[in-house]
PDB file of N, CA and C in Angstrom:
ATOM      1  N   UNK A   1      10.469 -10.977  14.728  1.00  0.00           N
ATOM      2  CA  UNK A   1      10.539 -12.034  13.730  1.00  0.00           C
ATOM      3  C   UNK A   1      11.886 -12.759  13.831  1.00  0.00           C
ATOM      4  N   UNK A   2      12.935 -11.962  13.983  1.00  0.00           N
ATOM      5  CA  UNK A   2      14.265 -12.578  14.056  1.00  0.00           C
ATOM      6  C   UNK A   2      14.420 -13.402  15.330  1.00  0.00           C
ATOM      7  N   UNK A   3      13.830 -12.926  16.432  1.00  0.00           N
ATOM      8  CA  UNK A   3      13.918 -13.667  17.688  1.00  0.00           C
ATOM      9  C   UNK A   3      13.180 -14.995  17.558  1.00  0.00           C
ATOM     10  N   UNK A   4      12.008 -14.946  16.949  1.00  0.00           N
ATOM     11  CA  UNK A   4      11.222 -16.170  16.787  1.00  0.00           C
ATOM     12  C   UNK A   4      11.950 -17.181  15.905  1.00  0.00           C
ATOM     13  N   UNK A   5      12.451 -16.723  14.755  1.00  0.00           N
ATOM     14  CA  UNK A   5      13.155 -17.660  13.864  1.00  0.00           C
ATOM     15  C   UNK A   5      14.437 -18.176  14.498  1.00  0.00           C
ATOM     16  N   UNK A   6      15.119 -17.319  15.264  1.00  0.00           N
ATOM     17  CA  UNK A   6      16.316 -17.773  15.963  1.00  0.00           C
ATOM     18  C   UNK A   6      15.993 -18.866  16.962  1.00  0.00           C
ATOM     19  N   UNK A   7      14.884 -18.686  17.685  1.00  0.00           N
ATOM     20  CA  UNK A   7      14.454 -19.707  18.636  1.00  0.00           C
ATOM     21  C   UNK A   7      14.056 -20.996  17.942  1.00  0.00           C
ATOM     22  N   UNK A   8      13.385 -20.881  16.823  1.00  0.00           N
ATOM     23  CA  UNK A   8      12.981 -22.059  16.065  1.00  0.00           C
ATOM     24  C   UNK A   8      14.204 -22.823  15.558  1.00  0.00           C
ATOM     25  N   UNK A   9      15.204 -22.096  15.132  1.00  0.00           N
ATOM     26  CA  UNK A   9      16.415 -22.723  14.618  1.00  0.00           C
ATOM     27  C   UNK A   9      17.204 -23.416  15.728  1.00  0.00           C
ATOM     28  N   UNK A  10      17.327 -22.745  16.859  1.00  0.00           N
ATOM     29  CA  UNK A  10      18.077 -23.323  17.981  1.00  0.00           C
ATOM     30  C   UNK A  10      17.385 -24.577  18.503  1.00  0.00           C
ATOM     31  N   UNK A  11      16.062 -24.561  18.571  1.00  0.00           N
ATOM     32  CA  UNK A  11      15.311 -25.713  19.066  1.00  0.00           C
ATOM     33  C   UNK A  11      15.246 -26.851  18.052  1.00  0.00           C
ATOM     34  N   UNK A  12      15.688 -26.601  16.830  1.00  0.00           N
ATOM     35  CA  UNK A  12      15.656 -27.628  15.799  1.00  0.00           C
ATOM     36  C   UNK A  12      14.296 -27.791  15.151  1.00  0.00           C
ATOM     37  N   UNK A  13      13.399 -26.862  15.406  1.00  0.00           N
ATOM     38  CA  UNK A  13      12.050 -26.946  14.838  1.00  0.00           C
ATOM     39  C   UNK A  13      12.002 -26.423  13.402  1.00  0.00           C
ATOM     40  N   UNK A  14      12.949 -25.571  13.044  1.00  0.00           N
ATOM     41  CA  UNK A  14      12.977 -25.031  11.690  1.00  0.00           C
ATOM     42  C   UNK A  14      14.420 -25.000  11.222  1.00  0.00           C
ATOM     43  N   UNK A  15      14.656 -25.496  10.032  1.00  0.00           N
ATOM     44  CA  UNK A  15      16.022 -25.556   9.496  1.00  0.00           C
ATOM     45  C   UNK A  15      16.511 -24.156   9.132  1.00  0.00           C
ATOM     46  N   UNK A  16      17.776 -23.863   9.433  1.00  0.00           N
ATOM     47  CA  UNK A  16      18.327 -22.550   9.070  1.00  0.00           C
ATOM     48  C   UNK A  16      18.262 -22.290   7.565  1.00  0.00           C
ATOM     49  N   UNK A  17      18.360 -23.346   6.778  1.00  0.00           N
ATOM     50  CA  UNK A  17      18.271 -23.191   5.313  1.00  0.00           C
ATOM     51  C   UNK A  17      16.888 -22.668   4.928  1.00  0.00           C
ATOM     52  N   UNK A  18      15.848 -23.158   5.567  1.00  0.00           N
ATOM     53  CA  UNK A  18      14.485 -22.713   5.283  1.00  0.00           C
ATOM     54  C   UNK A  18      14.315 -21.241   5.653  1.00  0.00           C
ATOM     55  N   UNK A  19      14.880 -20.835   6.759  1.00  0.00           N
ATOM     56  CA  UNK A  19      14.812 -19.434   7.179  1.00  0.00           C
ATOM     57  C   UNK A  19      15.539 -18.547   6.171  1.00  0.00           C
ATOM     58  N   UNK A  20      16.701 -18.966   5.732  1.00  0.00           N
ATOM     59  CA  UNK A  20      17.472 -18.201   4.745  1.00  0.00           C
ATOM     60  C   UNK A  20      16.724 -18.116   3.417  1.00  0.00           C
ATOM     61  N   UNK A  21      16.131 -19.214   2.985  1.00  0.00           N
ATOM     62  CA  UNK A  21      15.389 -19.217   1.722  1.00  0.00           C
ATOM     63  C   UNK A  21      14.191 -18.268   1.802  1.00  0.00           C
ATOM     64  N   UNK A  22      13.486 -18.301   2.904  1.00  0.00           N
ATOM     65  CA  UNK A  22      12.335 -17.416   3.088  1.00  0.00           C
ATOM     66  C   UNK A  22      12.768 -15.952   3.048  1.00  0.00           C
ATOM     67  N   UNK A  23      13.877 -15.649   3.713  1.00  0.00           N
ATOM     68  CA  UNK A  23      14.385 -14.279   3.728  1.00  0.00           C
ATOM     69  C   UNK A  23      14.806 -13.830   2.340  1.00  0.00           C
ATOM     70  N   UNK A  24      15.472 -14.693   1.599  1.00  0.00           N
ATOM     71  CA  UNK A  24      15.911 -14.333   0.249  1.00  0.00           C
ATOM     72  C   UNK A  24      14.738 -14.148  -0.714  1.00  0.00           C
ATOM     73  N   UNK A  25      13.655 -14.836  -0.466  1.00  0.00           N
ATOM     74  CA  UNK A  25      12.460 -14.660  -1.303  1.00  0.00           C
ATOM     75  C   UNK A  25      11.777 -13.333  -0.976  1.00  0.00           C
ATOM     76  N   UNK A  26      11.842 -12.912   0.275  1.00  0.00           N
ATOM     77  CA  UNK A  26      11.176 -11.679   0.681  1.00  0.00           C
ATOM     78  C   UNK A  26      11.787 -10.434   0.041  1.00  0.00           C
ATOM     79  N   UNK A  27      13.093 -10.420  -0.180  1.00  0.00           N
ATOM     80  CA  UNK A  27      13.730  -9.224  -0.730  1.00  0.00           C
ATOM     81  C   UNK A  27      13.146  -8.807  -2.083  1.00  0.00           C
ATOM     82  N   UNK A  28      13.055  -9.682  -3.080  1.00  0.00           N
ATOM     83  CA  UNK A  28      12.496  -9.241  -4.368  1.00  0.00           C
ATOM     84  C   UNK A  28      11.006  -8.892  -4.273  1.00  0.00           C
ATOM     85  N   UNK A  29      10.291  -9.578  -3.400  1.00  0.00           N
ATOM     86  CA  UNK A  29       8.854  -9.286  -3.268  1.00  0.00           C
ATOM     87  C   UNK A  29       8.658  -7.891  -2.698  1.00  0.00           C
ATOM     88  N   UNK A  30       9.398  -7.547  -1.654  1.00  0.00           N
ATOM     89  CA  UNK A  30       9.249  -6.207  -1.082  1.00  0.00           C
ATOM     90  C   UNK A  30       9.727  -5.139  -2.057  1.00  0.00           C
ATOM     91  N   UNK A  31      10.744  -5.444  -2.822  1.00  0.00           N
ATOM     92  CA  UNK A  31      11.234  -4.487  -3.813  1.00  0.00           C
ATOM     93  C   UNK A  31      10.175  -4.237  -4.892  1.00  0.00           C
ATOM     94  N   UNK A  32       9.402  -5.248  -5.212  1.00  0.00           N
ATOM     95  CA  UNK A  32       8.353  -5.095  -6.217  1.00  0.00           C
ATOM     96  C   UNK A  32       7.198  -4.236  -5.709  1.00  0.00           C
ATOM     97  N   UNK A  33       6.893  -4.309  -4.415  1.00  0.00           N
ATOM     98  CA  UNK A  33       5.749  -3.578  -3.876  1.00  0.00           C
ATOM     99  C   UNK A  33       6.087  -2.199  -3.329  1.00  0.00           C
ATOM    100  N   UNK A  34       7.346  -1.855  -3.180  1.00  0.00           N
ATOM    101  CA  UNK A  34       7.708  -0.539  -2.662  1.00  0.00           C
ATOM    102  C   UNK A  34       7.229   0.609  -3.546  1.00  0.00           C
ATOM    103  N   UNK A  35       7.298   0.521  -4.878  1.00  0.00           N
ATOM    104  CA  UNK A  35       6.813   1.639  -5.697  1.00  0.00           C
ATOM    105  C   UNK A  35       5.318   1.921  -5.513  1.00  0.00           C
ATOM    106  N   UNK A  36       4.553   0.953  -5.061  1.00  0.00           N
ATOM    107  CA  UNK A  36       3.124   1.179  -4.882  1.00  0.00           C
ATOM    108  C   UNK A  36       2.846   2.214  -3.807  1.00  0.00           C
ATOM    109  N   UNK A  37       3.651   2.224  -2.759  1.00  0.00           N
ATOM    110  CA  UNK A  37       3.413   3.196  -1.700  1.00  0.00           C
ATOM    111  C   UNK A  37       3.689   4.617  -2.179  1.00  0.00           C
ATOM    112  N   UNK A  38       4.714   4.810  -2.984  1.00  0.00           N
ATOM    113  CA  UNK A  38       4.978   6.153  -3.506  1.00  0.00           C
ATOM    114  C   UNK A  38       3.929   6.554  -4.538  1.00  0.00           C
ATOM    115  N   UNK A  39       3.433   5.604  -5.291  1.00  0.00           N
ATOM    116  CA  UNK A  39       2.380   5.910  -6.261  1.00  0.00           C
ATOM    117  C   UNK A  39       1.097   6.319  -5.553  1.00  0.00           C
ATOM    118  N   UNK A  40       0.818   5.709  -4.420  1.00  0.00           N
ATOM    119  CA  UNK A  40      -0.376   6.071  -3.661  1.00  0.00           C
ATOM    120  C   UNK A  40      -0.277   7.504  -3.157  1.00  0.00           C
ATOM    121  N   UNK A  41       0.894   7.921  -2.746  1.00  0.00           N
ATOM    122  CA  UNK A  41       1.077   9.282  -2.266  1.00  0.00           C
ATOM    123  C   UNK A  41       0.923  10.293  -3.393  1.00  0.00           C
ATOM    124  N   UNK A  42       1.325   9.943  -4.582  1.00  0.00           N
ATOM    125  CA  UNK A  42       1.229  10.853  -5.718  1.00  0.00           C
ATOM    126  C   UNK A  42      -0.173  10.889  -6.318  1.00  0.00           C
ATOM    127  N   UNK A  43      -1.014   9.934  -5.977  1.00  0.00           N
ATOM    128  CA  UNK A  43      -2.336   9.820  -6.583  1.00  0.00           C
ATOM    129  C   UNK A  43      -3.178  11.064  -6.348  1.00  0.00           C
ATOM    130  N   UNK A  44      -3.111  11.653  -5.160  1.00  0.00           N
ATOM    131  CA  UNK A  44      -3.932  12.837  -4.879  1.00  0.00           C
ATOM    132  C   UNK A  44      -3.545  13.988  -5.792  1.00  0.00           C
ATOM    133  N   UNK A  45      -2.265  14.147  -6.044  1.00  0.00           N
ATOM    134  CA  UNK A  45      -1.825  15.201  -6.958  1.00  0.00           C
ATOM    135  C   UNK A  45      -2.334  14.969  -8.369  1.00  0.00           C
ATOM    136  N   UNK A  46      -2.320  13.715  -8.807  1.00  0.00           N
ATOM    137  CA  UNK A  46      -2.831  13.407 -10.139  1.00  0.00           C
ATOM    138  C   UNK A  46      -4.338  13.629 -10.211  1.00  0.00           C
ATOM    139  N   UNK A  47      -5.050  13.298  -9.159  1.00  0.00           N
ATOM    140  CA  UNK A  47      -6.503  13.491  -9.138  1.00  0.00           C
ATOM    141  C   UNK A  47      -6.841  14.979  -9.204  1.00  0.00           C
ATOM    142  N   UNK A  48      -6.083  15.795  -8.478  1.00  0.00           N
ATOM    143  CA  UNK A  48      -6.317  17.242  -8.524  1.00  0.00           C
ATOM    144  C   UNK A  48      -6.018  17.795  -9.916  1.00  0.00           C
ATOM    145  N   UNK A  49      -4.949  17.355 -10.528  1.00  0.00           N
ATOM    146  CA  UNK A  49      -4.603  17.803 -11.879  1.00  0.00           C
ATOM    147  C   UNK A  49      -5.674  17.389 -12.877  1.00  0.00           C
ATOM    148  N   UNK A  50      -6.175  16.185 -12.722  1.00  0.00           N
ATOM    149  CA  UNK A  50      -7.224  15.701 -13.612  1.00  0.00           C
ATOM    150  C   UNK A  50      -8.472  16.568 -13.480  1.00  0.00           C
ATOM    151  N   UNK A  51      -8.817  16.938 -12.259  1.00  0.00           N
ATOM    152  CA  UNK A  51      -9.973  17.794 -12.040  1.00  0.00           C
ATOM    153  C   UNK A  51      -9.790  19.161 -12.698  1.00  0.00           C
ATOM    154  N   UNK A  52      -8.595  19.734 -12.594  1.00  0.00           N
ATOM    155  CA  UNK A  52      -8.334  21.030 -13.227  1.00  0.00           C
ATOM    156  C   UNK A  52      -8.405  20.916 -14.741  1.00  0.00           C
ATOM    157  N   UNK A  53      -7.889  19.834 -15.299  1.00  0.00           N
ATOM    158  CA  UNK A  53      -7.956  19.646 -16.756  1.00  0.00           C
ATOM    159  C   UNK A  53      -9.399  19.501 -17.238  1.00  0.00           C
ATOM    160  N   UNK A  54     -10.225  18.807 -16.448  1.00  0.00           N
ATOM    161  CA  UNK A  54     -11.633  18.677 -16.819  1.00  0.00           C
ATOM    162  C   UNK A  54     -12.325  20.040 -16.838  1.00  0.00           C
ATOM    163  N   UNK A  55     -11.992  20.907 -15.864  1.00  0.00           N
ATOM    164  CA  UNK A  55     -12.586  22.245 -15.826  1.00  0.00           C
ATOM    165  C   UNK A  55     -12.169  23.058 -17.036  1.00  0.00           C
ATOM    166  N   UNK A  56     -10.902  22.954 -17.421  1.00  0.00           N
ATOM    167  CA  UNK A  56     -10.417  23.676 -18.602  1.00  0.00           C
ATOM    168  C   UNK A  56     -11.145  23.174 -19.844  1.00  0.00           C
ATOM    169  N   UNK A  57     -11.285  21.858 -19.955  1.00  0.00           N
ATOM    170  CA  UNK A  57     -11.956  21.281 -21.106  1.00  0.00           C
ATOM    171  C   UNK A  57     -13.417  21.718 -21.159  1.00  0.00           C
ATOM    172  N   UNK A  58     -14.102  21.743 -20.018  1.00  0.00           N
ATOM    173  CA  UNK A  58     -15.496  22.179 -19.984  1.00  0.00           C
ATOM    174  C   UNK A  58     -15.607  23.656 -20.355  1.00  0.00           C
ATOM    175  N   UNK A  59     -14.643  24.456 -19.914  1.00  0.00           N
ATOM    176  CA  UNK A  59     -14.640  25.876 -20.273  1.00  0.00           C
ATOM    177  C   UNK A  59     -14.483  26.079 -21.766  1.00  0.00           C
ATOM    178  N   UNK A  60     -13.636  25.277 -22.406  1.00  0.00           N
ATOM    179  CA  UNK A  60     -13.462  25.378 -23.860  1.00  0.00           C
ATOM    180  C   UNK A  60     -14.741  24.985 -24.582  1.00  0.00           C
ATOM    181  N   UNK A  61     -15.424  23.954 -24.092  1.00  0.00           N
ATOM    182  CA  UNK A  61     -16.686  23.536 -24.715  1.00  0.00           C
ATOM    183  C   UNK A  61     -17.740  24.623 -24.590  1.00  0.00           C
ATOM    184  N   UNK A  62     -17.823  25.222 -23.403  1.00  0.00           N
ATOM    185  CA  UNK A  62     -18.816  26.276 -23.196  1.00  0.00           C
ATOM    186  C   UNK A  62     -18.539  27.479 -24.086  1.00  0.00           C
ATOM    187  N   UNK A  63     -17.272  27.876 -24.228  1.00  0.00           N
ATOM    188  CA  UNK A  63     -16.924  29.013 -25.095  1.00  0.00           C
ATOM    189  C   UNK A  63     -17.268  28.693 -26.531  1.00  0.00           C
ATOM    190  N   UNK A  64     -17.012  27.479 -26.985  1.00  0.00           N
ATOM    191  CA  UNK A  64     -17.317  27.088 -28.362  1.00  0.00           C
ATOM    192  C   UNK A  64     -18.832  27.085 -28.577  1.00  0.00           C
ATOM    193  N   UNK A  65     -19.560  26.593 -27.607  1.00  0.00           N
ATOM    194  CA  UNK A  65     -21.010  26.550 -27.709  1.00  0.00           C
ATOM    195  C   UNK A  65     -21.599  27.946 -27.758  1.00  0.00           C
ATOM    196  N   UNK A  66     -21.115  28.841 -26.899  1.00  0.00           N
ATOM    197  CA  UNK A  66     -21.645  30.210 -26.857  1.00  0.00           C
ATOM    198  C   UNK A  66     -21.217  30.988 -28.083  1.00  0.00           C
ATOM    199  N   UNK A  67     -20.056  30.720 -28.653  1.00  0.00           N
ATOM    200  CA  UNK A  67     -19.594  31.468 -29.820  1.00  0.00           C
ATOM    201  C   UNK A  67     -20.429  31.117 -31.050  1.00  0.00           C
ATOM    202  N   UNK A  68     -21.023  29.948 -31.077  1.00  0.00           N
ATOM    203  CA  UNK A  68     -21.888  29.572 -32.218  1.00  0.00           C
ATOM    204  C   UNK A  68     -23.194  30.347 -32.197  1.00  0.00           C
ATOM    205  N   UNK A  69     -23.664  30.701 -31.022  1.00  0.00           N
ATOM    206  CA  UNK A  69     -24.936  31.405 -30.915  1.00  0.00           C
ATOM    207  C   UNK A  69     -24.770  32.912 -30.961  1.00  0.00           C
ATOM    208  N   UNK A  70     -23.564  33.407 -30.946  1.00  0.00           N
ATOM    209  CA  UNK A  70     -23.340  34.864 -30.946  1.00  0.00           C
ATOM    210  C   UNK A  70     -23.382  35.420 -32.338  1.00  0.00           C
TER     211      UNK A  70
END
């Protein structure tokens, strides 16, 4: 990317100011999307925890249901 923009700037096809502006805009955008990658990695752990909580909840319901008939 840097080689291409450098060539564009040297040839006069793209203004250096435009390249700088584009680069400065990219920094906040990438900073905004970086947490998404870490959240995706943590998602499997949350899904597993959710599954375990559902099993616990179902077990409590079954015990309550069976205790009424005893």
